């Protein structure tokens, strides 16, 4: 599986995402790290999607990010 950005507020700059496989995982557990930078203060939205090898969306989770000046 892969994790990628879904909807992201226009005032958020995407820096990247990484999903290294856990070395000791026996059940296919993955940890992903998403990096982004807000350009302006305010309430922003960042969504992440899980995708299969054909890039078909499995799930999506969205976060409200309150950026303070």
Foldseek 3Di string as FASTA:
>chain_A
DDKDWDDWPPQKAWDDKDWDFDPPDPPRDIDMDTDIDGNDFAWIKIKMFDADPVRDTDDMDMDIDGGDD
